[in-house]
């Protein structure tokens, strides 16, 4: 009788565990937004923001992964005379994001003042903070894109064109920063797997 009770108890526990596991799996699937059906029109803001988010994650993760002691590293072997340091690469992108994603609300003087302030930063924490703030601006700029205004000409180009140029610009620097990181024994987070 005890064996029967023990076997029944084990089956009951097994059923409970399976029910819990399937409920957890279902709730995780429900949290993931469904992929739009083929033929669905997706807004420029949604399209560009998804691209920006993925690229921003790679860039910020790499900037955070490089030890502060190596932030002033610049290659010297080869043709690297005058090349930016790792910190200068990050600061350049943070400052340039104000040009690409500043929109019509930012004057050239405002943009220059922002770039100059960022250029004076020295600590990794301050540089990362400025970088994240510049990406917040980029998300705001992209969030304002619509099908009606994405390809409307502004003083600097179209909104969609500036967004594409801005993203390609910082990913160009990301590629350089990957090399700097690897030269210092840092594997870029995006290359560690799990993506």
N, C-alpha and C. Protein backbone atom coordinates (compact mmCIF):
# COMPACT_ATOMS: atom_id res chain seq x y z
N UNK A 1 0.81 -1.17 0.00
CA UNK A 1 0.00 0.00 0.00
C UNK A 1 0.87 1.26 0.00
N UNK A 2 1.99 1.20 0.80
CA UNK A 2 2.89 2.36 0.84
C UNK A 2 3.53 2.60 -0.52
N UNK A 3 3.92 1.55 -1.22
CA UNK A 3 4.51 1.69 -2.55
C UNK A 3 3.52 2.33 -3.51
N UNK A 4 2.26 1.93 -3.43
CA UNK A 4 1.24 2.51 -4.28
C UNK A 4 1.05 3.99 -3.97
N UNK A 5 1.05 4.36 -2.69
CA UNK A 5 0.89 5.77 -2.29
C UNK A 5 2.10 6.59 -2.74
N UNK A 6 3.30 6.01 -2.59
CA UNK A 6 4.51 6.71 -3.01
C UNK A 6 4.53 6.91 -4.53
N UNK A 7 4.16 5.90 -5.28
CA UNK A 7 4.11 6.00 -6.74
C UNK A 7 3.08 7.04 -7.18
N UNK A 8 1.92 7.05 -6.52
CA UNK A 8 0.88 8.01 -6.83
C UNK A 8 1.35 9.43 -6.50
N UNK A 9 2.05 9.58 -5.38
CA UNK A 9 2.57 10.89 -4.98
C UNK A 9 3.60 11.39 -5.99
N UNK A 10 4.49 10.50 -6.45
CA UNK A 10 5.49 10.88 -7.44
C UNK A 10 4.84 11.29 -8.75
N UNK A 11 3.82 10.59 -9.18
CA UNK A 11 3.10 10.94 -10.41
C UNK A 11 2.42 12.30 -10.26
N UNK A 12 1.83 12.53 -9.10
CA UNK A 12 1.16 13.79 -8.85
C UNK A 12 2.16 14.95 -8.88
N UNK A 13 3.32 14.76 -8.24
CA UNK A 13 4.37 15.78 -8.25
C UNK A 13 4.86 16.01 -9.68
N UNK A 14 5.06 14.95 -10.44
CA UNK A 14 5.49 15.06 -11.84
C UNK A 14 4.50 15.84 -12.67
N UNK A 15 3.21 15.57 -12.49
CA UNK A 15 2.18 16.30 -13.23
C UNK A 15 2.19 17.78 -12.88
N UNK A 16 2.36 18.07 -11.61
CA UNK A 16 2.42 19.47 -11.16
C UNK A 16 3.62 20.20 -11.77
N UNK A 17 4.77 19.52 -11.80
CA UNK A 17 5.96 20.13 -12.39
C UNK A 17 5.78 20.39 -13.88
N UNK A 18 5.18 19.43 -14.59
CA UNK A 18 4.94 19.62 -16.02
C UNK A 18 3.96 20.76 -16.25
N UNK A 19 2.94 20.86 -15.45
CA UNK A 19 1.96 21.95 -15.60
C UNK A 19 2.62 23.30 -15.33
N UNK A 20 3.48 23.35 -14.30
CA UNK A 20 4.18 24.59 -13.98
C UNK A 20 5.13 24.97 -15.10
N UNK A 21 5.87 24.02 -15.62
CA UNK A 21 6.82 24.29 -16.70
C UNK A 21 6.11 24.79 -17.94
N UNK A 22 5.00 24.17 -18.30
CA UNK A 22 4.29 24.61 -19.50
C UNK A 22 3.67 25.99 -19.30
N UNK A 23 3.22 26.28 -18.08
CA UNK A 23 2.67 27.60 -17.79
C UNK A 23 3.75 28.67 -17.90
N UNK A 24 4.95 28.38 -17.35
CA UNK A 24 6.06 29.33 -17.44
C UNK A 24 6.47 29.56 -18.89
N UNK A 25 6.57 28.48 -19.65
CA UNK A 25 6.95 28.60 -21.06
C UNK A 25 5.91 29.41 -21.82
N UNK A 26 4.63 29.18 -21.56
CA UNK A 26 3.56 29.90 -22.24
C UNK A 26 3.62 31.38 -21.88
N UNK A 27 3.87 31.71 -20.60
CA UNK A 27 3.91 33.12 -20.20
C UNK A 27 5.12 33.83 -20.81
N UNK A 28 6.23 33.11 -20.99
CA UNK A 28 7.39 33.72 -21.65
C UNK A 28 7.09 33.97 -23.12
N UNK A 29 6.40 33.05 -23.77
CA UNK A 29 6.05 33.23 -25.18
C UNK A 29 5.06 34.38 -25.32
N UNK A 30 4.15 34.51 -24.38
CA UNK A 30 3.15 35.56 -24.46
C UNK A 30 3.80 36.94 -24.30
N UNK A 31 4.92 37.02 -23.58
CA UNK A 31 5.60 38.30 -23.36
C UNK A 31 6.32 38.78 -24.61
N UNK A 32 6.66 37.87 -25.51
CA UNK A 32 7.35 38.22 -26.74
C UNK A 32 6.32 38.70 -27.76
N UNK A 33 6.50 39.92 -28.29
CA UNK A 33 5.52 40.41 -29.27
C UNK A 33 5.55 39.54 -30.53
N UNK A 34 4.39 39.35 -31.09
CA UNK A 34 4.28 38.54 -32.30
C UNK A 34 4.93 39.27 -33.47
N UNK A 35 5.55 38.51 -34.32
CA UNK A 35 6.16 39.07 -35.52
C UNK A 35 5.02 39.46 -36.47
N UNK A 36 5.07 40.66 -37.04
CA UNK A 36 4.00 41.06 -37.96
C UNK A 36 3.91 40.10 -39.15
N UNK A 37 2.72 39.89 -39.61
CA UNK A 37 2.50 39.00 -40.75
C UNK A 37 3.11 39.61 -42.01
N UNK A 38 3.50 38.76 -42.93
CA UNK A 38 4.04 39.21 -44.21
C UNK A 38 2.99 40.11 -44.87
N UNK A 39 3.44 41.24 -45.38
CA UNK A 39 2.55 42.19 -46.02
C UNK A 39 2.06 43.29 -45.09
N UNK A 40 2.32 43.13 -43.78
CA UNK A 40 1.90 44.14 -42.82
C UNK A 40 2.79 45.37 -42.99
N UNK A 41 2.19 46.54 -43.01
CA UNK A 41 2.97 47.78 -43.07
C UNK A 41 3.48 48.09 -41.67
N UNK A 42 4.77 48.36 -41.57
CA UNK A 42 5.41 48.69 -40.30
C UNK A 42 5.91 50.12 -40.41
N UNK A 43 5.69 50.91 -39.38
CA UNK A 43 6.07 52.32 -39.42
C UNK A 43 7.59 52.49 -39.50
N UNK A 44 8.03 53.60 -40.10
CA UNK A 44 9.48 53.88 -40.10
C UNK A 44 10.04 53.93 -38.68
N UNK A 45 9.29 54.53 -37.75
CA UNK A 45 9.78 54.63 -36.37
C UNK A 45 10.01 53.24 -35.78
N UNK A 46 9.07 52.35 -35.98
CA UNK A 46 9.20 50.99 -35.44
C UNK A 46 10.37 50.25 -36.09
N UNK A 47 10.51 50.39 -37.38
CA UNK A 47 11.59 49.71 -38.11
C UNK A 47 12.96 50.22 -37.68
N UNK A 48 13.13 51.53 -37.70
CA UNK A 48 14.43 52.11 -37.36
C UNK A 48 14.75 51.94 -35.88
N UNK A 49 13.73 52.03 -35.01
CA UNK A 49 13.99 51.89 -33.58
C UNK A 49 14.47 50.48 -33.24
N UNK A 50 13.92 49.49 -33.93
CA UNK A 50 14.38 48.12 -33.69
C UNK A 50 15.84 47.97 -34.09
N UNK A 51 16.20 48.54 -35.24
CA UNK A 51 17.60 48.50 -35.68
C UNK A 51 18.49 49.24 -34.69
N UNK A 52 18.08 50.44 -34.31
CA UNK A 52 18.87 51.24 -33.37
C UNK A 52 19.08 50.50 -32.06
N UNK A 53 18.03 49.89 -31.53
CA UNK A 53 18.13 49.19 -30.24
C UNK A 53 19.17 48.08 -30.28
N UNK A 54 19.16 47.29 -31.34
CA UNK A 54 20.13 46.20 -31.46
C UNK A 54 21.55 46.70 -31.59
N UNK A 55 21.74 47.71 -32.43
CA UNK A 55 23.08 48.27 -32.64
C UNK A 55 23.57 48.99 -31.39
N UNK A 56 22.68 49.74 -30.75
CA UNK A 56 23.03 50.45 -29.52
C UNK A 56 23.49 49.47 -28.44
N UNK A 57 22.81 48.36 -28.31
CA UNK A 57 23.18 47.36 -27.30
C UNK A 57 24.61 46.86 -27.53
N UNK A 58 24.93 46.53 -28.77
CA UNK A 58 26.29 46.07 -29.07
C UNK A 58 27.32 47.14 -28.73
N UNK A 59 27.02 48.38 -29.13
CA UNK A 59 27.97 49.47 -28.92
C UNK A 59 28.17 49.76 -27.43
N UNK A 60 27.08 49.94 -26.70
CA UNK A 60 27.17 50.26 -25.26
C UNK A 60 27.80 49.11 -24.49
N UNK A 61 27.40 47.88 -24.80
CA UNK A 61 27.99 46.72 -24.12
C UNK A 61 29.51 46.68 -24.30
N UNK A 62 29.98 47.00 -25.50
CA UNK A 62 31.42 47.00 -25.75
C UNK A 62 32.10 48.14 -24.98
N UNK A 63 31.48 49.32 -24.99
CA UNK A 63 32.05 50.45 -24.26
C UNK A 63 32.14 50.14 -22.77
N UNK A 64 31.15 49.44 -22.25
CA UNK A 64 31.16 49.06 -20.83
C UNK A 64 32.15 47.93 -20.54
N UNK A 65 32.39 47.07 -21.51
CA UNK A 65 33.26 45.91 -21.30
C UNK A 65 34.75 46.28 -21.24
N UNK A 66 35.12 47.34 -21.94
CA UNK A 66 36.54 47.73 -21.95
C UNK A 66 36.91 48.29 -20.58
N UNK A 67 37.96 47.75 -19.96
CA UNK A 67 38.37 48.26 -18.65
C UNK A 67 38.78 49.74 -18.74
N UNK A 68 38.49 50.47 -17.69
CA UNK A 68 38.82 51.91 -17.69
C UNK A 68 40.31 52.13 -17.90
N UNK A 69 41.14 51.22 -17.41
CA UNK A 69 42.59 51.35 -17.56
C UNK A 69 43.01 51.31 -19.04
N UNK A 70 42.17 50.73 -19.89
CA UNK A 70 42.48 50.65 -21.32
C UNK A 70 41.72 51.69 -22.13
N UNK A 71 40.99 52.58 -21.50
CA UNK A 71 40.20 53.57 -22.24
C UNK A 71 41.07 54.53 -23.05
N UNK A 72 42.31 54.72 -22.66
CA UNK A 72 43.20 55.62 -23.42
C UNK A 72 44.07 54.87 -24.41
N UNK A 73 43.74 53.60 -24.66
CA UNK A 73 44.50 52.80 -25.61
C UNK A 73 44.20 53.23 -27.05
N UNK A 74 45.26 53.33 -27.82
CA UNK A 74 45.17 53.47 -29.28
C UNK A 74 46.30 52.63 -29.85
N UNK A 75 46.05 51.92 -30.92
CA UNK A 75 47.10 51.09 -31.52
C UNK A 75 48.29 51.96 -31.95
N UNK A 76 49.48 51.37 -31.89
CA UNK A 76 50.68 52.09 -32.33
C UNK A 76 51.44 51.32 -33.41
N UNK A 77 51.27 50.00 -33.45
CA UNK A 77 51.97 49.20 -34.47
C UNK A 77 51.21 49.31 -35.78
N UNK A 78 51.87 49.80 -36.80
CA UNK A 78 51.21 49.98 -38.10
C UNK A 78 50.93 51.45 -38.36
N UNK A 79 49.99 51.71 -39.22
CA UNK A 79 49.65 53.08 -39.62
C UNK A 79 48.54 53.65 -38.73
N UNK A 80 48.87 53.96 -37.49
CA UNK A 80 47.88 54.46 -36.54
C UNK A 80 48.22 55.83 -35.97
N UNK A 81 49.15 56.54 -36.62
CA UNK A 81 49.53 57.86 -36.12
C UNK A 81 48.27 58.75 -36.12
N UNK A 82 47.98 59.34 -34.96
CA UNK A 82 46.83 60.23 -34.85
C UNK A 82 45.49 59.51 -34.68
N UNK A 83 45.50 58.19 -34.56
CA UNK A 83 44.25 57.45 -34.38
C UNK A 83 43.65 57.78 -33.02
N UNK A 84 42.34 57.81 -32.96
CA UNK A 84 41.64 58.08 -31.70
C UNK A 84 41.88 56.95 -30.71
N UNK A 85 41.89 57.30 -29.43
CA UNK A 85 41.93 56.28 -28.38
C UNK A 85 40.54 55.65 -28.29
N UNK A 86 40.42 54.59 -27.51
CA UNK A 86 39.12 53.95 -27.31
C UNK A 86 38.13 54.97 -26.74
N UNK A 87 38.57 55.71 -25.72
CA UNK A 87 37.69 56.74 -25.11
C UNK A 87 37.29 57.78 -26.13
N UNK A 88 38.22 58.22 -26.96
CA UNK A 88 37.90 59.22 -27.98
C UNK A 88 36.91 58.68 -29.01
N UNK A 89 37.00 57.38 -29.31
CA UNK A 89 36.02 56.77 -30.22
C UNK A 89 34.62 56.86 -29.62
N UNK A 90 34.49 56.49 -28.34
CA UNK A 90 33.19 56.52 -27.66
C UNK A 90 32.66 57.95 -27.59
N UNK A 91 33.53 58.88 -27.19
CA UNK A 91 33.12 60.28 -27.08
C UNK A 91 32.73 60.85 -28.44
N UNK A 92 33.47 60.48 -29.48
CA UNK A 92 33.15 60.95 -30.83
C UNK A 92 31.74 60.50 -31.24
N UNK A 93 31.42 59.25 -30.96
CA UNK A 93 30.08 58.75 -31.31
C UNK A 93 29.02 59.47 -30.49
N UNK A 94 29.26 59.62 -29.19
CA UNK A 94 28.28 60.32 -28.34
C UNK A 94 28.04 61.73 -28.87
N UNK A 95 29.09 62.43 -29.21
CA UNK A 95 28.94 63.79 -29.73
C UNK A 95 28.30 63.82 -31.10
N UNK A 96 28.71 62.93 -31.97
CA UNK A 96 28.16 62.89 -33.33
C UNK A 96 26.68 62.52 -33.35
N UNK A 97 26.24 61.76 -32.37
CA UNK A 97 24.81 61.41 -32.32
C UNK A 97 23.94 62.66 -32.25
N UNK A 98 24.47 63.74 -31.67
CA UNK A 98 23.71 64.99 -31.61
C UNK A 98 23.57 65.61 -33.00
N UNK A 99 24.54 65.38 -33.86
CA UNK A 99 24.42 65.84 -35.25
C UNK A 99 23.40 64.99 -36.01
N UNK A 100 23.56 63.69 -35.93
CA UNK A 100 22.69 62.80 -36.70
C UNK A 100 21.25 62.77 -36.20
N UNK A 101 21.08 62.83 -34.89
CA UNK A 101 19.75 62.64 -34.31
C UNK A 101 19.21 63.88 -33.59
N UNK A 102 19.88 65.02 -33.75
CA UNK A 102 19.44 66.24 -33.10
C UNK A 102 18.17 66.82 -33.70
N UNK A 103 17.94 66.51 -34.96
CA UNK A 103 16.73 67.01 -35.62
C UNK A 103 16.75 68.51 -35.82
N UNK A 104 15.61 69.02 -36.16
CA UNK A 104 15.50 70.44 -36.46
C UNK A 104 15.52 71.31 -35.21
N UNK A 105 15.36 70.70 -34.03
CA UNK A 105 15.33 71.45 -32.78
C UNK A 105 16.70 71.80 -32.22
N UNK A 106 17.76 71.32 -32.85
CA UNK A 106 19.10 71.57 -32.32
C UNK A 106 19.90 72.42 -33.31
N UNK A 107 20.35 73.57 -32.83
CA UNK A 107 21.14 74.45 -33.68
C UNK A 107 22.58 73.93 -33.77
N UNK A 108 23.32 74.46 -34.73
CA UNK A 108 24.73 74.07 -34.86
C UNK A 108 25.51 74.46 -33.60
N UNK A 109 25.15 75.59 -33.00
CA UNK A 109 25.83 76.04 -31.78
C UNK A 109 25.53 75.08 -30.62
N UNK A 110 24.27 74.62 -30.50
CA UNK A 110 23.92 73.66 -29.45
C UNK A 110 24.67 72.35 -29.65
N UNK A 111 24.71 71.91 -30.90
CA UNK A 111 25.40 70.67 -31.23
C UNK A 111 26.89 70.78 -30.90
N UNK A 112 27.52 71.89 -31.26
CA UNK A 112 28.95 72.11 -30.99
C UNK A 112 29.20 72.16 -29.49
N UNK A 113 28.33 72.83 -28.75
CA UNK A 113 28.50 72.92 -27.29
C UNK A 113 28.41 71.53 -26.65
N UNK A 114 27.48 70.70 -27.14
CA UNK A 114 27.32 69.34 -26.62
C UNK A 114 28.58 68.52 -26.92
N UNK A 115 29.07 68.59 -28.16
CA UNK A 115 30.27 67.84 -28.54
C UNK A 115 31.48 68.29 -27.73
N UNK A 116 31.62 69.60 -27.51
CA UNK A 116 32.75 70.12 -26.74
C UNK A 116 32.70 69.64 -25.29
N UNK A 117 31.49 69.64 -24.70
CA UNK A 117 31.33 69.18 -23.31
C UNK A 117 31.67 67.69 -23.21
N UNK A 118 31.23 66.91 -24.17
CA UNK A 118 31.52 65.47 -24.17
C UNK A 118 33.02 65.23 -24.35
N UNK A 119 33.65 66.02 -25.19
CA UNK A 119 35.08 65.84 -25.46
C UNK A 119 35.93 66.07 -24.21
N UNK A 120 35.44 66.87 -23.27
CA UNK A 120 36.18 67.16 -22.03
C UNK A 120 36.06 66.06 -20.98
N UNK A 121 35.17 65.10 -21.18
CA UNK A 121 34.96 64.04 -20.19
C UNK A 121 36.20 63.14 -20.12
N UNK A 122 36.51 62.68 -18.91
CA UNK A 122 37.70 61.83 -18.75
C UNK A 122 37.41 60.48 -18.12
N UNK A 123 36.40 60.38 -17.26
CA UNK A 123 36.15 59.09 -16.60
C UNK A 123 35.25 58.20 -17.47
N UNK A 124 35.47 56.92 -17.36
CA UNK A 124 34.66 55.96 -18.11
C UNK A 124 33.18 56.14 -17.76
N UNK A 125 32.87 56.31 -16.49
CA UNK A 125 31.46 56.45 -16.06
C UNK A 125 30.80 57.65 -16.72
N UNK A 126 31.51 58.78 -16.77
CA UNK A 126 30.94 59.98 -17.39
C UNK A 126 30.79 59.82 -18.91
N UNK A 127 31.74 59.16 -19.51
CA UNK A 127 31.69 58.92 -20.96
C UNK A 127 30.51 58.00 -21.29
N UNK A 128 30.35 56.93 -20.54
CA UNK A 128 29.22 56.00 -20.76
C UNK A 128 27.89 56.72 -20.56
N UNK A 129 27.81 57.55 -19.54
CA UNK A 129 26.58 58.31 -19.26
C UNK A 129 26.24 59.20 -20.46
N UNK A 130 27.23 59.91 -20.97
CA UNK A 130 27.01 60.78 -22.14
C UNK A 130 26.60 59.96 -23.36
N UNK A 131 27.21 58.80 -23.53
CA UNK A 131 26.86 57.93 -24.65
C UNK A 131 25.40 57.51 -24.56
N UNK A 132 24.99 57.07 -23.39
CA UNK A 132 23.59 56.62 -23.20
C UNK A 132 22.61 57.77 -23.42
N UNK A 133 22.97 58.96 -22.96
CA UNK A 133 22.11 60.13 -23.18
C UNK A 133 21.98 60.43 -24.67
N UNK A 134 23.07 60.27 -25.41
CA UNK A 134 23.01 60.53 -26.85
C UNK A 134 22.14 59.49 -27.56
N UNK A 135 22.15 58.26 -27.07
CA UNK A 135 21.28 57.24 -27.66
C UNK A 135 19.81 57.48 -27.29
N UNK A 136 19.56 58.04 -26.11
CA UNK A 136 18.19 58.40 -25.74
C UNK A 136 17.65 59.44 -26.73
N UNK A 137 18.49 60.41 -27.08
CA UNK A 137 18.12 61.41 -28.08
C UNK A 137 17.82 60.73 -29.42
N UNK A 138 18.65 59.75 -29.79
CA UNK A 138 18.44 59.04 -31.05
C UNK A 138 17.09 58.34 -31.07
N UNK A 139 16.72 57.71 -29.96
CA UNK A 139 15.42 57.03 -29.88
C UNK A 139 14.27 58.03 -29.99
N UNK A 140 14.43 59.20 -29.39
CA UNK A 140 13.39 60.24 -29.48
C UNK A 140 13.25 60.72 -30.93
N UNK A 141 14.37 60.96 -31.58
CA UNK A 141 14.37 61.40 -32.98
C UNK A 141 13.67 60.36 -33.86
N UNK A 142 14.07 59.11 -33.70
CA UNK A 142 13.49 58.04 -34.52
C UNK A 142 12.02 57.82 -34.17
N UNK A 143 11.67 57.97 -32.90
CA UNK A 143 10.28 57.81 -32.49
C UNK A 143 9.35 58.82 -33.14
N UNK A 144 9.89 59.94 -33.58
CA UNK A 144 9.09 60.97 -34.25
C UNK A 144 8.97 60.79 -35.75
N UNK A 145 9.59 59.74 -36.27
CA UNK A 145 9.52 59.49 -37.72
C UNK A 145 8.18 58.85 -38.08
N UNK A 146 7.60 59.33 -39.15
CA UNK A 146 6.34 58.77 -39.66
C UNK A 146 6.51 58.48 -41.14
N UNK A 147 5.54 57.81 -41.70
CA UNK A 147 5.55 57.56 -43.14
C UNK A 147 5.50 58.88 -43.91
N UNK A 148 4.88 59.89 -43.31
CA UNK A 148 4.76 61.20 -43.98
C UNK A 148 6.04 62.02 -43.92
N UNK A 149 6.81 61.91 -42.82
CA UNK A 149 7.98 62.79 -42.70
C UNK A 149 9.33 62.09 -42.84
N UNK A 150 9.36 60.78 -42.95
CA UNK A 150 10.63 60.05 -42.98
C UNK A 150 11.53 60.48 -44.14
N UNK A 151 10.93 60.79 -45.28
CA UNK A 151 11.72 61.15 -46.45
C UNK A 151 11.51 62.60 -46.86
N UNK A 152 11.09 63.40 -45.90
CA UNK A 152 10.94 64.83 -46.11
C UNK A 152 12.29 65.49 -45.87
N UNK A 153 12.68 66.39 -46.76
CA UNK A 153 13.98 67.03 -46.66
C UNK A 153 14.02 68.03 -45.50
N UNK A 154 15.12 67.98 -44.74
CA UNK A 154 15.39 68.96 -43.68
C UNK A 154 16.69 69.65 -44.05
N UNK A 155 17.22 70.48 -43.17
CA UNK A 155 18.47 71.19 -43.48
C UNK A 155 19.65 70.23 -43.63
N UNK A 156 19.61 69.08 -42.95
CA UNK A 156 20.73 68.14 -42.98
C UNK A 156 20.48 66.94 -43.89
N UNK A 157 19.28 66.75 -44.37
CA UNK A 157 18.91 65.59 -45.17
C UNK A 157 17.56 65.08 -44.70
N UNK A 158 17.15 63.93 -45.18
CA UNK A 158 15.87 63.39 -44.73
C UNK A 158 16.05 62.75 -43.36
N UNK A 159 14.96 62.64 -42.61
CA UNK A 159 15.03 62.02 -41.27
C UNK A 159 15.52 60.58 -41.39
N UNK A 160 14.96 59.85 -42.33
CA UNK A 160 15.36 58.45 -42.51
C UNK A 160 16.82 58.36 -42.94
N UNK A 161 17.23 59.27 -43.81
CA UNK A 161 18.62 59.28 -44.26
C UNK A 161 19.59 59.59 -43.13
N UNK A 162 19.24 60.57 -42.30
CA UNK A 162 20.11 60.91 -41.17
C UNK A 162 20.17 59.77 -40.15
N UNK A 163 19.04 59.11 -39.93
CA UNK A 163 19.03 57.97 -39.00
C UNK A 163 19.91 56.84 -39.53
N UNK A 164 19.78 56.54 -40.81
CA UNK A 164 20.59 55.47 -41.41
C UNK A 164 22.08 55.84 -41.37
N UNK A 165 22.38 57.09 -41.71
CA UNK A 165 23.76 57.57 -41.69
C UNK A 165 24.32 57.52 -40.26
N UNK A 166 23.52 57.95 -39.28
CA UNK A 166 23.96 57.93 -37.89
C UNK A 166 24.27 56.53 -37.41
N UNK A 167 23.38 55.57 -37.74
CA UNK A 167 23.62 54.18 -37.31
C UNK A 167 24.83 53.59 -38.01
N UNK A 168 24.99 53.85 -39.31
CA UNK A 168 26.17 53.31 -40.00
C UNK A 168 27.44 53.95 -39.46
N UNK A 169 27.37 55.23 -39.09
CA UNK A 169 28.53 55.92 -38.54
C UNK A 169 28.99 55.27 -37.23
N UNK A 170 28.06 55.07 -36.30
CA UNK A 170 28.53 54.52 -35.02
C UNK A 170 28.91 53.05 -35.13
N UNK A 171 28.35 52.33 -36.09
CA UNK A 171 28.77 50.94 -36.27
C UNK A 171 30.14 50.85 -36.94
N UNK A 172 30.50 51.85 -37.72
CA UNK A 172 31.86 51.92 -38.26
C UNK A 172 32.85 52.05 -37.10
N UNK A 173 32.53 52.91 -36.16
CA UNK A 173 33.40 53.07 -34.99
C UNK A 173 33.36 51.84 -34.09
N UNK A 174 32.22 51.19 -34.04
CA UNK A 174 32.12 49.94 -33.28
C UNK A 174 33.14 48.93 -33.81
N UNK A 175 33.25 48.81 -35.12
CA UNK A 175 34.22 47.89 -35.72
C UNK A 175 35.64 48.21 -35.30
N UNK A 176 35.98 49.49 -35.26
CA UNK A 176 37.32 49.89 -34.81
C UNK A 176 37.51 49.56 -33.33
N UNK A 177 36.48 49.82 -32.54
CA UNK A 177 36.56 49.56 -31.10
C UNK A 177 36.68 48.07 -30.79
N UNK A 178 36.08 47.24 -31.62
CA UNK A 178 36.21 45.78 -31.45
C UNK A 178 37.68 45.40 -31.55
N UNK A 179 38.37 45.96 -32.53
CA UNK A 179 39.80 45.66 -32.69
C UNK A 179 40.60 46.14 -31.48
N UNK A 180 40.30 47.34 -31.00
CA UNK A 180 40.99 47.88 -29.81
C UNK A 180 40.77 46.95 -28.62
N UNK A 181 39.52 46.52 -28.43
CA UNK A 181 39.19 45.65 -27.30
C UNK A 181 39.95 44.34 -27.41
N UNK A 182 39.92 43.71 -28.57
CA UNK A 182 40.61 42.43 -28.76
C UNK A 182 42.12 42.57 -28.55
N UNK A 183 42.68 43.70 -28.97
CA UNK A 183 44.12 43.93 -28.74
C UNK A 183 44.44 44.00 -27.25
N UNK A 184 43.41 44.25 -26.44
CA UNK A 184 43.59 44.34 -24.98
C UNK A 184 43.01 43.13 -24.26
N UNK A 185 42.76 42.06 -24.99
CA UNK A 185 42.29 40.82 -24.38
C UNK A 185 40.82 40.82 -24.00
N UNK A 186 40.05 41.77 -24.54
CA UNK A 186 38.62 41.85 -24.23
C UNK A 186 37.84 41.30 -25.42
N UNK A 187 37.06 40.25 -25.18
CA UNK A 187 36.18 39.70 -26.21
C UNK A 187 34.90 40.53 -26.20
N UNK A 188 34.52 41.11 -27.33
CA UNK A 188 33.29 41.91 -27.35
C UNK A 188 32.09 41.09 -26.88
N UNK A 189 31.23 41.66 -26.04
CA UNK A 189 30.07 40.92 -25.55
C UNK A 189 29.22 40.28 -26.65
N UNK A 190 29.10 40.95 -27.79
CA UNK A 190 28.30 40.40 -28.89
C UNK A 190 28.93 39.15 -29.49
N UNK A 191 30.23 38.95 -29.27
CA UNK A 191 30.94 37.78 -29.80
C UNK A 191 31.03 36.63 -28.79
N UNK A 192 30.48 36.83 -27.62
CA UNK A 192 30.59 35.81 -26.56
C UNK A 192 29.51 34.76 -26.67
N UNK A 193 28.62 34.88 -27.62
CA UNK A 193 27.53 33.92 -27.78
C UNK A 193 26.29 34.35 -27.03
N UNK A 194 25.21 33.64 -27.29
CA UNK A 194 23.97 33.92 -26.61
C UNK A 194 23.11 34.96 -27.28
N UNK A 195 23.53 35.51 -28.41
CA UNK A 195 22.71 36.51 -29.10
C UNK A 195 21.82 35.85 -30.11
